[in-house]
mmCIF file of all heavy atoms, coordinates in Angstrom:
data_MODEL
# 
_entry.id   MODEL 
# 
loop_
_atom_site.group_PDB 
_atom_site.id 
_atom_site.type_symbol 
_atom_site.label_atom_id 
_atom_site.label_alt_id 
_atom_site.label_comp_id 
_atom_site.label_asym_id 
_atom_site.label_entity_id 
_atom_site.label_seq_id 
_atom_site.pdbx_PDB_ins_code 
_atom_site.Cartn_x 
_atom_site.Cartn_y 
_atom_site.Cartn_z 
_atom_site.occupancy 
_atom_site.B_iso_or_equiv 
_atom_site.pdbx_formal_charge 
_atom_site.auth_seq_id 
_atom_site.auth_comp_id 
_atom_site.auth_asym_id 
_atom_site.auth_atom_id 
_atom_site.pdbx_PDB_model_num 
ATOM 1   N N   . GLN A 1 1  ? -32.218 96.766  53.191 1.00 0.00 ? 1  GLN A N   1 
ATOM 2   C CA  . GLN A 1 1  ? -32.292 98.152  53.081 1.00 0.00 ? 1  GLN A CA  1 
ATOM 3   C C   . GLN A 1 1  ? -33.638 98.581  52.509 1.00 0.00 ? 1  GLN A C   1 
ATOM 4   O O   . GLN A 1 1  ? -34.279 99.613  52.783 1.00 0.00 ? 1  GLN A O   1 
ATOM 5   C CB  . GLN A 1 1  ? -31.174 98.700  52.231 1.00 0.00 ? 1  GLN A CB  1 
ATOM 6   C CG  . GLN A 1 1  ? -29.878 98.541  53.025 1.00 0.00 ? 1  GLN A CG  1 
ATOM 7   C CD  . GLN A 1 1  ? -29.795 99.610  54.154 1.00 0.00 ? 1  GLN A CD  1 
ATOM 8   O OE1 . GLN A 1 1  ? -30.534 100.533 54.221 1.00 0.00 ? 1  GLN A OE1 1 
ATOM 9   N NE2 . GLN A 1 1  ? -28.844 99.319  55.090 1.00 0.00 ? 1  GLN A NE2 1 
ATOM 10  N N   . LEU A 1 2  ? -34.177 97.967  51.375 1.00 0.00 ? 2  LEU A N   1 
ATOM 11  C CA  . LEU A 1 2  ? -35.416 98.148  50.745 1.00 0.00 ? 2  LEU A CA  1 
ATOM 12  C C   . LEU A 1 2  ? -36.566 97.990  51.712 1.00 0.00 ? 2  LEU A C   1 
ATOM 13  O O   . LEU A 1 2  ? -37.533 98.753  51.814 1.00 0.00 ? 2  LEU A O   1 
ATOM 14  C CB  . LEU A 1 2  ? -35.569 97.444  49.469 1.00 0.00 ? 2  LEU A CB  1 
ATOM 15  C CG  . LEU A 1 2  ? -34.780 97.804  48.287 1.00 0.00 ? 2  LEU A CG  1 
ATOM 16  C CD1 . LEU A 1 2  ? -34.968 96.686  47.181 1.00 0.00 ? 2  LEU A CD1 1 
ATOM 17  C CD2 . LEU A 1 2  ? -35.034 99.079  47.740 1.00 0.00 ? 2  LEU A CD2 1 
ATOM 18  N N   . ALA A 1 3  ? -36.459 97.021  52.591 1.00 0.00 ? 3  ALA A N   1 
ATOM 19  C CA  . ALA A 1 3  ? -37.524 96.649  53.439 1.00 0.00 ? 3  ALA A CA  1 
ATOM 20  C C   . ALA A 1 3  ? -37.534 97.748  54.517 1.00 0.00 ? 3  ALA A C   1 
ATOM 21  O O   . ALA A 1 3  ? -38.718 98.199  54.987 1.00 0.00 ? 3  ALA A O   1 
ATOM 22  C CB  . ALA A 1 3  ? -37.216 95.272  54.172 1.00 0.00 ? 3  ALA A CB  1 
ATOM 23  N N   . GLN A 1 4  ? -36.490 98.329  55.035 1.00 0.00 ? 4  GLN A N   1 
ATOM 24  C CA  . GLN A 1 4  ? -36.328 99.377  55.918 1.00 0.00 ? 4  GLN A CA  1 
ATOM 25  C C   . GLN A 1 4  ? -36.924 100.675 55.448 1.00 0.00 ? 4  GLN A C   1 
ATOM 26  O O   . GLN A 1 4  ? -37.538 101.476 56.232 1.00 0.00 ? 4  GLN A O   1 
ATOM 27  C CB  . GLN A 1 4  ? -34.999 99.538  56.491 1.00 0.00 ? 4  GLN A CB  1 
ATOM 28  C CG  . GLN A 1 4  ? -34.357 98.426  57.282 1.00 0.00 ? 4  GLN A CG  1 
ATOM 29  C CD  . GLN A 1 4  ? -32.792 98.729  57.641 1.00 0.00 ? 4  GLN A CD  1 
ATOM 30  O OE1 . GLN A 1 4  ? -32.376 99.709  57.369 1.00 0.00 ? 4  GLN A OE1 1 
ATOM 31  N NE2 . GLN A 1 4  ? -32.237 97.700  58.191 1.00 0.00 ? 4  GLN A NE2 1 
ATOM 32  N N   . ARG A 1 5  ? -36.850 100.886 54.181 1.00 0.00 ? 5  ARG A N   1 
ATOM 33  C CA  . ARG A 1 5  ? -37.301 102.194 53.605 1.00 0.00 ? 5  ARG A CA  1 
ATOM 34  C C   . ARG A 1 5  ? -38.755 102.060 53.055 1.00 0.00 ? 5  ARG A C   1 
ATOM 35  O O   . ARG A 1 5  ? -39.359 103.090 52.747 1.00 0.00 ? 5  ARG A O   1 
ATOM 36  C CB  . ARG A 1 5  ? -36.283 102.480 52.538 1.00 0.00 ? 5  ARG A CB  1 
ATOM 37  C CG  . ARG A 1 5  ? -35.020 103.116 52.899 1.00 0.00 ? 5  ARG A CG  1 
ATOM 38  C CD  . ARG A 1 5  ? -34.098 103.162 51.809 1.00 0.00 ? 5  ARG A CD  1 
ATOM 39  N NE  . ARG A 1 5  ? -32.814 103.763 52.263 1.00 0.00 ? 5  ARG A NE  1 
ATOM 40  C CZ  . ARG A 1 5  ? -31.901 103.291 53.092 1.00 0.00 ? 5  ARG A CZ  1 
ATOM 41  N NH1 . ARG A 1 5  ? -32.006 102.083 53.614 1.00 0.00 ? 5  ARG A NH1 1 
ATOM 42  N NH2 . ARG A 1 5  ? -30.850 104.088 53.445 1.00 0.00 ? 5  ARG A NH2 1 
ATOM 43  N N   . ALA A 1 6  ? -39.254 100.919 52.990 1.00 0.00 ? 6  ALA A N   1 
ATOM 44  C CA  . ALA A 1 6  ? -40.566 100.690 52.437 1.00 0.00 ? 6  ALA A CA  1 
ATOM 45  C C   . ALA A 1 6  ? -41.663 101.433 53.293 1.00 0.00 ? 6  ALA A C   1 
ATOM 46  O O   . ALA A 1 6  ? -41.504 101.362 54.531 1.00 0.00 ? 6  ALA A O   1 
ATOM 47  C CB  . ALA A 1 6  ? -40.889 99.220  52.320 1.00 0.00 ? 6  ALA A CB  1 
ATOM 48  N N   . ARG A 1 7  ? -42.614 102.035 52.641 1.00 0.00 ? 7  ARG A N   1 
ATOM 49  C CA  . ARG A 1 7  ? -43.881 102.600 53.319 1.00 0.00 ? 7  ARG A CA  1 
ATOM 50  C C   . ARG A 1 7  ? -45.058 101.847 52.896 1.00 0.00 ? 7  ARG A C   1 
ATOM 51  O O   . ARG A 1 7  ? -45.139 101.243 51.830 1.00 0.00 ? 7  ARG A O   1 
ATOM 52  C CB  . ARG A 1 7  ? -43.957 104.072 52.993 1.00 0.00 ? 7  ARG A CB  1 
ATOM 53  C CG  . ARG A 1 7  ? -42.755 104.792 53.432 1.00 0.00 ? 7  ARG A CG  1 
ATOM 54  C CD  . ARG A 1 7  ? -43.083 106.439 53.155 1.00 0.00 ? 7  ARG A CD  1 
ATOM 55  N NE  . ARG A 1 7  ? -41.876 107.128 53.590 1.00 0.00 ? 7  ARG A NE  1 
ATOM 56  C CZ  . ARG A 1 7  ? -41.849 108.580 53.622 1.00 0.00 ? 7  ARG A CZ  1 
ATOM 57  N NH1 . ARG A 1 7  ? -43.021 109.139 53.429 1.00 0.00 ? 7  ARG A NH1 1 
ATOM 58  N NH2 . ARG A 1 7  ? -40.779 109.201 53.944 1.00 0.00 ? 7  ARG A NH2 1 
ATOM 59  N N   . HIS A 1 8  ? -46.026 101.796 53.742 1.00 0.00 ? 8  HIS A N   1 
ATOM 60  C CA  . HIS A 1 8  ? -47.170 100.973 53.584 1.00 0.00 ? 8  HIS A CA  1 
ATOM 61  C C   . HIS A 1 8  ? -48.469 101.858 53.708 1.00 0.00 ? 8  HIS A C   1 
ATOM 62  O O   . HIS A 1 8  ? -48.519 102.680 54.583 1.00 0.00 ? 8  HIS A O   1 
ATOM 63  C CB  . HIS A 1 8  ? -47.292 99.786  54.600 1.00 0.00 ? 8  HIS A CB  1 
ATOM 64  C CG  . HIS A 1 8  ? -45.952 98.919  54.624 1.00 0.00 ? 8  HIS A CG  1 
ATOM 65  N ND1 . HIS A 1 8  ? -45.971 97.795  54.009 1.00 0.00 ? 8  HIS A ND1 1 
ATOM 66  C CD2 . HIS A 1 8  ? -44.791 99.108  55.192 1.00 0.00 ? 8  HIS A CD2 1 
ATOM 67  C CE1 . HIS A 1 8  ? -44.775 97.246  54.209 1.00 0.00 ? 8  HIS A CE1 1 
ATOM 68  N NE2 . HIS A 1 8  ? -44.031 98.102  54.923 1.00 0.00 ? 8  HIS A NE2 1 
ATOM 69  N N   . ASP A 1 9  ? -49.402 101.676 52.832 1.00 0.00 ? 9  ASP A N   1 
ATOM 70  C CA  . ASP A 1 9  ? -50.648 102.229 53.033 1.00 0.00 ? 9  ASP A CA  1 
ATOM 71  C C   . ASP A 1 9  ? -51.794 101.279 52.443 1.00 0.00 ? 9  ASP A C   1 
ATOM 72  O O   . ASP A 1 9  ? -51.464 100.048 52.246 1.00 0.00 ? 9  ASP A O   1 
ATOM 73  C CB  . ASP A 1 9  ? -50.800 103.528 52.302 1.00 0.00 ? 9  ASP A CB  1 
ATOM 74  C CG  . ASP A 1 9  ? -50.643 103.411 50.783 1.00 0.00 ? 9  ASP A CG  1 
ATOM 75  O OD1 . ASP A 1 9  ? -50.799 102.459 50.190 1.00 0.00 ? 9  ASP A OD1 1 
ATOM 76  O OD2 . ASP A 1 9  ? -50.579 104.472 50.100 1.00 0.00 ? 9  ASP A OD2 1 
ATOM 77  N N   . SER A 1 10 ? -53.032 101.613 52.287 1.00 0.00 ? 10 SER A N   1 
ATOM 78  C CA  . SER A 1 10 ? -54.031 100.717 52.001 1.00 0.00 ? 10 SER A CA  1 
ATOM 79  C C   . SER A 1 10 ? -53.903 100.140 50.581 1.00 0.00 ? 10 SER A C   1 
ATOM 80  O O   . SER A 1 10 ? -54.444 99.049  50.341 1.00 0.00 ? 10 SER A O   1 
ATOM 81  C CB  . SER A 1 10 ? -55.467 101.458 52.005 1.00 0.00 ? 10 SER A CB  1 
ATOM 82  O OG  . SER A 1 10 ? -55.439 102.521 51.231 1.00 0.00 ? 10 SER A OG  1 
ATOM 83  N N   . ALA A 1 11 ? -53.132 100.769 49.716 1.00 0.00 ? 11 ALA A N   1 
ATOM 84  C CA  . ALA A 1 11 ? -53.042 100.350 48.381 1.00 0.00 ? 11 ALA A CA  1 
ATOM 85  C C   . ALA A 1 11 ? -51.763 99.339  48.294 1.00 0.00 ? 11 ALA A C   1 
ATOM 86  O O   . ALA A 1 11 ? -51.702 98.616  47.290 1.00 0.00 ? 11 ALA A O   1 
ATOM 87  C CB  . ALA A 1 11 ? -52.714 101.470 47.455 1.00 0.00 ? 11 ALA A CB  1 
ATOM 88  N N   . GLY A 1 12 ? -50.889 99.341  49.279 1.00 0.00 ? 12 GLY A N   1 
ATOM 89  C CA  . GLY A 1 12 ? -49.783 98.343  49.236 1.00 0.00 ? 12 GLY A CA  1 
ATOM 90  C C   . GLY A 1 12 ? -48.569 98.906  49.682 1.00 0.00 ? 12 GLY A C   1 
ATOM 91  O O   . GLY A 1 12 ? -48.507 99.672  50.810 1.00 0.00 ? 12 GLY A O   1 
ATOM 92  N N   . VAL A 1 13 ? -47.458 98.698  49.017 1.00 0.00 ? 13 VAL A N   1 
ATOM 93  C CA  . VAL A 1 13 ? -46.128 99.237  49.496 1.00 0.00 ? 13 VAL A CA  1 
ATOM 94  C C   . VAL A 1 13 ? -45.522 100.138 48.419 1.00 0.00 ? 13 VAL A C   1 
ATOM 95  O O   . VAL A 1 13 ? -45.661 99.904  47.205 1.00 0.00 ? 13 VAL A O   1 
ATOM 96  C CB  . VAL A 1 13 ? -45.192 98.013  49.563 1.00 0.00 ? 13 VAL A CB  1 
ATOM 97  C CG1 . VAL A 1 13 ? -43.710 98.300  49.905 1.00 0.00 ? 13 VAL A CG1 1 
ATOM 98  C CG2 . VAL A 1 13 ? -45.647 96.952  50.649 1.00 0.00 ? 13 VAL A CG2 1 
ATOM 99  N N   . PHE A 1 14 ? -44.735 101.166 48.890 1.00 0.00 ? 14 PHE A N   1 
ATOM 100 C CA  . PHE A 1 14 ? -43.995 102.108 48.011 1.00 0.00 ? 14 PHE A CA  1 
ATOM 101 C C   . PHE A 1 14 ? -42.867 102.636 48.687 1.00 0.00 ? 14 PHE A C   1 
ATOM 102 O O   . PHE A 1 14 ? -42.599 102.373 49.838 1.00 0.00 ? 14 PHE A O   1 
ATOM 103 C CB  . PHE A 1 14 ? -45.015 103.185 47.669 1.00 0.00 ? 14 PHE A CB  1 
ATOM 104 C CG  . PHE A 1 14 ? -45.476 104.187 48.863 1.00 0.00 ? 14 PHE A CG  1 
ATOM 105 C CD1 . PHE A 1 14 ? -44.848 105.314 49.206 1.00 0.00 ? 14 PHE A CD1 1 
ATOM 106 C CD2 . PHE A 1 14 ? -46.662 103.758 49.582 1.00 0.00 ? 14 PHE A CD2 1 
ATOM 107 C CE1 . PHE A 1 14 ? -45.154 105.969 50.215 1.00 0.00 ? 14 PHE A CE1 1 
ATOM 108 C CE2 . PHE A 1 14 ? -47.077 104.482 50.717 1.00 0.00 ? 14 PHE A CE2 1 
ATOM 109 C CZ  . PHE A 1 14 ? -46.369 105.633 50.998 1.00 0.00 ? 14 PHE A CZ  1 
ATOM 110 N N   . TRP A 1 15 ? -42.004 103.332 47.842 1.00 0.00 ? 15 TRP A N   1 
ATOM 111 C CA  . TRP A 1 15 ? -40.828 103.960 48.407 1.00 0.00 ? 15 TRP A CA  1 
ATOM 112 C C   . TRP A 1 15 ? -40.931 105.476 48.070 1.00 0.00 ? 15 TRP A C   1 
ATOM 113 O O   . TRP A 1 15 ? -41.265 105.884 47.052 1.00 0.00 ? 15 TRP A O   1 
ATOM 114 C CB  . TRP A 1 15 ? -39.500 103.324 47.776 1.00 0.00 ? 15 TRP A CB  1 
ATOM 115 C CG  . TRP A 1 15 ? -39.373 101.976 48.297 1.00 0.00 ? 15 TRP A CG  1 
ATOM 116 C CD1 . TRP A 1 15 ? -38.506 101.646 49.284 1.00 0.00 ? 15 TRP A CD1 1 
ATOM 117 C CD2 . TRP A 1 15 ? -39.969 100.776 47.836 1.00 0.00 ? 15 TRP A CD2 1 
ATOM 118 N NE1 . TRP A 1 15 ? -38.548 100.212 49.460 1.00 0.00 ? 15 TRP A NE1 1 
ATOM 119 C CE2 . TRP A 1 15 ? -39.426 99.729  48.576 1.00 0.00 ? 15 TRP A CE2 1 
ATOM 120 C CE3 . TRP A 1 15 ? -40.807 100.457 46.821 1.00 0.00 ? 15 TRP A CE3 1 
ATOM 121 C CZ2 . TRP A 1 15 ? -39.772 98.412  48.443 1.00 0.00 ? 15 TRP A CZ2 1 
ATOM 122 C CZ3 . TRP A 1 15 ? -41.194 99.087  46.648 1.00 0.00 ? 15 TRP A CZ3 1 
ATOM 123 C CH2 . TRP A 1 15 ? -40.632 98.116  47.431 1.00 0.00 ? 15 TRP A CH2 1 
ATOM 124 N N   . TRP A 1 16 ? -40.486 106.292 49.095 1.00 0.00 ? 16 TRP A N   1 
ATOM 125 C CA  . TRP A 1 16 ? -40.683 107.738 48.913 1.00 0.00 ? 16 TRP A CA  1 
ATOM 126 C C   . TRP A 1 16 ? -39.388 108.320 48.308 1.00 0.00 ? 16 TRP A C   1 
ATOM 127 O O   . TRP A 1 16 ? -38.224 107.905 48.737 1.00 0.00 ? 16 TRP A O   1 
ATOM 128 C CB  . TRP A 1 16 ? -40.950 108.327 50.313 1.00 0.00 ? 16 TRP A CB  1 
ATOM 129 C CG  . TRP A 1 16 ? -41.159 109.811 50.225 1.00 0.00 ? 16 TRP A CG  1 
ATOM 130 C CD1 . TRP A 1 16 ? -40.329 110.757 50.457 1.00 0.00 ? 16 TRP A CD1 1 
ATOM 131 C CD2 . TRP A 1 16 ? -42.401 110.427 49.921 1.00 0.00 ? 16 TRP A CD2 1 
ATOM 132 N NE1 . TRP A 1 16 ? -40.874 112.095 50.491 1.00 0.00 ? 16 TRP A NE1 1 
ATOM 133 C CE2 . TRP A 1 16 ? -42.149 111.860 50.090 1.00 0.00 ? 16 TRP A CE2 1 
ATOM 134 C CE3 . TRP A 1 16 ? -43.724 110.012 49.701 1.00 0.00 ? 16 TRP A CE3 1 
ATOM 135 C CZ2 . TRP A 1 16 ? -43.203 112.792 49.924 1.00 0.00 ? 16 TRP A CZ2 1 
ATOM 136 C CZ3 . TRP A 1 16 ? -44.690 110.937 49.377 1.00 0.00 ? 16 TRP A CZ3 1 
ATOM 137 C CH2 . TRP A 1 16 ? -44.442 112.278 49.584 1.00 0.00 ? 16 TRP A CH2 1 
ATOM 138 N N   . THR A 1 17 ? -39.442 109.316 47.380 1.00 0.00 ? 17 THR A N   1 
ATOM 139 C CA  . THR A 1 17 ? -38.373 109.917 47.040 1.00 0.00 ? 17 THR A CA  1 
ATOM 140 C C   . THR A 1 17 ? -38.391 111.324 47.482 1.00 0.00 ? 17 THR A C   1 
ATOM 141 O O   . THR A 1 17 ? -39.309 112.150 47.123 1.00 0.00 ? 17 THR A O   1 
ATOM 142 C CB  . THR A 1 17 ? -38.331 109.978 45.415 1.00 0.00 ? 17 THR A CB  1 
ATOM 143 O OG1 . THR A 1 17 ? -38.401 108.674 44.882 1.00 0.00 ? 17 THR A OG1 1 
ATOM 144 C CG2 . THR A 1 17 ? -37.076 110.808 44.969 1.00 0.00 ? 17 THR A CG2 1 
ATOM 145 N N   . PRO A 1 18 ? -37.534 111.747 48.320 1.00 0.00 ? 18 PRO A N   1 
ATOM 146 C CA  . PRO A 1 18 ? -37.564 113.144 48.835 1.00 0.00 ? 18 PRO A CA  1 
ATOM 147 C C   . PRO A 1 18 ? -37.158 114.268 47.888 1.00 0.00 ? 18 PRO A C   1 
ATOM 148 O O   . PRO A 1 18 ? -36.690 114.028 46.832 1.00 0.00 ? 18 PRO A O   1 
ATOM 149 C CB  . PRO A 1 18 ? -36.524 113.090 50.061 1.00 0.00 ? 18 PRO A CB  1 
ATOM 150 C CG  . PRO A 1 18 ? -35.524 111.962 49.586 1.00 0.00 ? 18 PRO A CG  1 
ATOM 151 C CD  . PRO A 1 18 ? -36.388 110.913 48.824 1.00 0.00 ? 18 PRO A CD  1 
ATOM 152 N N   . VAL A 1 19 ? -37.228 115.378 48.398 1.00 0.00 ? 19 VAL A N   1 
ATOM 153 C CA  . VAL A 1 19 ? -36.836 116.575 47.658 1.00 0.00 ? 19 VAL A CA  1 
ATOM 154 C C   . VAL A 1 19 ? -35.351 116.701 47.577 1.00 0.00 ? 19 VAL A C   1 
ATOM 155 O O   . VAL A 1 19 ? -34.809 116.877 48.687 1.00 0.00 ? 19 VAL A O   1 
ATOM 156 C CB  . VAL A 1 19 ? -37.443 117.901 48.186 1.00 0.00 ? 19 VAL A CB  1 
ATOM 157 C CG1 . VAL A 1 19 ? -37.087 119.062 47.251 1.00 0.00 ? 19 VAL A CG1 1 
ATOM 158 C CG2 . VAL A 1 19 ? -38.993 117.801 48.297 1.00 0.00 ? 19 VAL A CG2 1 
ATOM 159 N N   . PRO A 1 20 ? -34.727 116.560 46.460 1.00 0.00 ? 20 PRO A N   1 
ATOM 160 C CA  . PRO A 1 20 ? -33.294 116.654 46.403 1.00 0.00 ? 20 PRO A CA  1 
ATOM 161 C C   . PRO A 1 20 ? -32.859 118.093 46.421 1.00 0.00 ? 20 PRO A C   1 
ATOM 162 O O   . PRO A 1 20 ? -33.641 118.920 46.026 1.00 0.00 ? 20 PRO A O   1 
ATOM 163 C CB  . PRO A 1 20 ? -32.943 116.005 45.018 1.00 0.00 ? 20 PRO A CB  1 
ATOM 164 C CG  . PRO A 1 20 ? -34.050 116.103 44.126 1.00 0.00 ? 20 PRO A CG  1 
ATOM 165 C CD  . PRO A 1 20 ? -35.185 116.147 45.020 1.00 0.00 ? 20 PRO A CD  1 
ATOM 166 N N   . ARG A 1 21 ? -31.762 118.365 46.998 1.00 0.00 ? 21 ARG A N   1 
ATOM 167 C CA  . ARG A 1 21 ? -31.264 119.762 47.171 1.00 0.00 ? 21 ARG A CA  1 
ATOM 168 C C   . ARG A 1 21 ? -31.102 120.403 45.758 1.00 0.00 ? 21 ARG A C   1 
ATOM 169 O O   . ARG A 1 21 ? -31.362 121.641 45.744 1.00 0.00 ? 21 ARG A O   1 
ATOM 170 C CB  . ARG A 1 21 ? -29.951 119.841 47.953 1.00 0.00 ? 21 ARG A CB  1 
ATOM 171 C CG  . ARG A 1 21 ? -30.089 119.515 49.543 1.00 0.00 ? 21 ARG A CG  1 
ATOM 172 C CD  . ARG A 1 21 ? -28.732 119.437 50.195 1.00 0.00 ? 21 ARG A CD  1 
ATOM 173 N NE  . ARG A 1 21 ? -27.869 118.472 49.619 1.00 0.00 ? 21 ARG A NE  1 
ATOM 174 C CZ  . ARG A 1 21 ? -26.657 118.239 49.962 1.00 0.00 ? 21 ARG A CZ  1 
ATOM 175 N NH1 . ARG A 1 21 ? -26.119 119.078 50.864 1.00 0.00 ? 21 ARG A NH1 1 
ATOM 176 N NH2 . ARG A 1 21 ? -25.862 117.266 49.464 1.00 0.00 ? 21 ARG A NH2 1 
ATOM 177 N N   . ARG A 1 22 ? -30.639 119.702 44.748 1.00 0.00 ? 22 ARG A N   1 
ATOM 178 C CA  . ARG A 1 22 ? -30.292 120.431 43.465 1.00 0.00 ? 22 ARG A CA  1 
ATOM 179 C C   . ARG A 1 22 ? -31.580 120.515 42.572 1.00 0.00 ? 22 ARG A C   1 
ATOM 180 O O   . ARG A 1 22 ? -31.460 121.058 41.578 1.00 0.00 ? 22 ARG A O   1 
ATOM 181 C CB  . ARG A 1 22 ? -29.213 119.598 42.848 1.00 0.00 ? 22 ARG A CB  1 
ATOM 182 C CG  . ARG A 1 22 ? -27.927 119.540 43.624 1.00 0.00 ? 22 ARG A CG  1 
ATOM 183 C CD  . ARG A 1 22 ? -26.838 118.840 42.838 1.00 0.00 ? 22 ARG A CD  1 
ATOM 184 N NE  . ARG A 1 22 ? -25.554 118.896 43.508 1.00 0.00 ? 22 ARG A NE  1 
ATOM 185 C CZ  . ARG A 1 22 ? -24.430 118.321 43.087 1.00 0.00 ? 22 ARG A CZ  1 
ATOM 186 N NH1 . ARG A 1 22 ? -24.399 117.723 41.858 1.00 0.00 ? 22 ARG A NH1 1 
ATOM 187 N NH2 . ARG A 1 22 ? -23.265 118.262 43.853 1.00 0.00 ? 22 ARG A NH2 1 
ATOM 188 N N   . HIS A 1 23 ? -32.696 119.944 42.916 1.00 0.00 ? 23 HIS A N   1 
ATOM 189 C CA  . HIS A 1 23 ? -33.762 119.973 42.065 1.00 0.00 ? 23 HIS A CA  1 
ATOM 190 C C   . HIS A 1 23 ? -35.056 120.382 42.942 1.00 0.00 ? 23 HIS A C   1 
ATOM 191 O O   . HIS A 1 23 ? -35.999 119.588 43.172 1.00 0.00 ? 23 HIS A O   1 
ATOM 192 C CB  . HIS A 1 23 ? -33.897 118.601 41.371 1.00 0.00 ? 23 HIS A CB  1 
ATOM 193 C CG  . HIS A 1 23 ? -32.835 118.143 40.575 1.00 0.00 ? 23 HIS A CG  1 
ATOM 194 N ND1 . HIS A 1 23 ? -32.597 118.663 39.255 1.00 0.00 ? 23 HIS A ND1 1 
ATOM 195 C CD2 . HIS A 1 23 ? -31.873 117.219 40.775 1.00 0.00 ? 23 HIS A CD2 1 
ATOM 196 C CE1 . HIS A 1 23 ? -31.587 118.168 38.779 1.00 0.00 ? 23 HIS A CE1 1 
ATOM 197 N NE2 . HIS A 1 23 ? -31.003 117.369 39.602 1.00 0.00 ? 23 HIS A NE2 1 
ATOM 198 N N   . PRO A 1 24 ? -35.138 121.568 43.311 1.00 0.00 ? 24 PRO A N   1 
ATOM 199 C CA  . PRO A 1 24 ? -36.220 121.938 44.158 1.00 0.00 ? 24 PRO A CA  1 
ATOM 200 C C   . PRO A 1 24 ? -37.555 121.931 43.395 1.00 0.00 ? 24 PRO A C   1 
ATOM 201 O O   . PRO A 1 24 ? -38.653 122.041 44.088 1.00 0.00 ? 24 PRO A O   1 
ATOM 202 C CB  . PRO A 1 24 ? -35.966 123.529 44.392 1.00 0.00 ? 24 PRO A CB  1 
ATOM 203 C CG  . PRO A 1 24 ? -34.963 123.880 43.351 1.00 0.00 ? 24 PRO A CG  1 
ATOM 204 C CD  . PRO A 1 24 ? -34.185 122.730 43.000 1.00 0.00 ? 24 PRO A CD  1 
ATOM 205 N N   . TYR A 1 25 ? -37.609 121.831 42.046 1.00 0.00 ? 25 TYR A N   1 
ATOM 206 C CA  . TYR A 1 25 ? -38.863 121.623 41.453 1.00 0.00 ? 25 TYR A CA  1 
ATOM 207 C C   . TYR A 1 25 ? -39.702 120.339 41.715 1.00 0.00 ? 25 TYR A C   1 
ATOM 208 O O   . TYR A 1 25 ? -40.771 120.209 41.455 1.00 0.00 ? 25 TYR A O   1 
ATOM 209 C CB  . TYR A 1 25 ? -38.710 121.851 39.887 1.00 0.00 ? 25 TYR A CB  1 
ATOM 210 C CG  . TYR A 1 25 ? -37.795 120.815 39.123 1.00 0.00 ? 25 TYR A CG  1 
ATOM 211 C CD1 . TYR A 1 25 ? -38.235 119.575 38.903 1.00 0.00 ? 25 TYR A CD1 1 
ATOM 212 C CD2 . TYR A 1 25 ? -36.476 121.180 39.001 1.00 0.00 ? 25 TYR A CD2 1 
ATOM 213 C CE1 . TYR A 1 25 ? -37.369 118.698 38.293 1.00 0.00 ? 25 TYR A CE1 1 
ATOM 214 C CE2 . TYR A 1 25 ? -35.606 120.271 38.415 1.00 0.00 ? 25 TYR A CE2 1 
ATOM 215 C CZ  . TYR A 1 25 ? -36.015 119.008 38.145 1.00 0.00 ? 25 TYR A CZ  1 
ATOM 216 O OH  . TYR A 1 25 ? -35.239 118.048 37.572 1.00 0.00 ? 25 TYR A OH  1 
ATOM 217 N N   . TRP A 1 26 ? -38.837 119.379 42.131 1.00 0.00 ? 26 TRP A N   1 
ATOM 218 C CA  . TRP A 1 26 ? -39.482 118.018 42.376 1.00 0.00 ? 26 TRP A CA  1 
ATOM 219 C C   . TRP A 1 26 ? -40.010 118.156 43.738 1.00 0.00 ? 26 TRP A C   1 
ATOM 220 O O   . TRP A 1 26 ? -39.310 118.439 44.804 1.00 0.00 ? 26 TRP A O   1 
ATOM 221 C CB  . TRP A 1 26 ? -38.406 117.038 42.374 1.00 0.00 ? 26 TRP A CB  1 
ATOM 222 C CG  . TRP A 1 26 ? -38.725 115.696 42.985 1.00 0.00 ? 26 TRP A CG  1 
ATOM 223 C CD1 . TRP A 1 26 ? -38.221 115.226 44.186 1.00 0.00 ? 26 TRP A CD1 1 
ATOM 224 C CD2 . TRP A 1 26 ? -39.589 114.662 42.613 1.00 0.00 ? 26 TRP A CD2 1 
ATOM 225 N NE1 . TRP A 1 26 ? -38.818 113.919 44.511 1.00 0.00 ? 26 TRP A NE1 1 
ATOM 226 C CE2 . TRP A 1 26 ? -39.652 113.639 43.528 1.00 0.00 ? 26 TRP A CE2 1 
ATOM 227 C CE3 . TRP A 1 26 ? -40.508 114.641 41.607 1.00 0.00 ? 26 TRP A CE3 1 
ATOM 228 C CZ2 . TRP A 1 26 ? -40.460 112.466 43.468 1.00 0.00 ? 26 TRP A CZ2 1 
ATOM 229 C CZ3 . TRP A 1 26 ? -41.324 113.468 41.468 1.00 0.00 ? 26 TRP A CZ3 1 
ATOM 230 C CH2 . TRP A 1 26 ? -41.352 112.470 42.308 1.00 0.00 ? 26 TRP A CH2 1 
ATOM 231 N N   . PRO A 1 27 ? -41.329 117.962 43.889 1.00 0.00 ? 27 PRO A N   1 
ATOM 232 C CA  . PRO A 1 27 ? -41.994 118.230 45.246 1.00 0.00 ? 27 PRO A CA  1 
ATOM 233 C C   . PRO A 1 27 ? -41.748 117.079 46.295 1.00 0.00 ? 27 PRO A C   1 
ATOM 234 O O   . PRO A 1 27 ? -42.251 117.248 47.382 1.00 0.00 ? 27 PRO A O   1 
ATOM 235 C CB  . PRO A 1 27 ? -43.485 118.319 44.808 1.00 0.00 ? 27 PRO A CB  1 
ATOM 236 C CG  . PRO A 1 27 ? -43.602 117.438 43.556 1.00 0.00 ? 27 PRO A CG  1 
ATOM 237 C CD  . PRO A 1 27 ? -42.268 117.521 42.802 1.00 0.00 ? 27 PRO A CD  1 
# 
């Protein structure tokens, strides 16, 4: 599951945290 969600760019590998419905201040 972590492999499926991993994103890649020139710096390496990261995981994205989307905007949660209850916390709109998190971009």
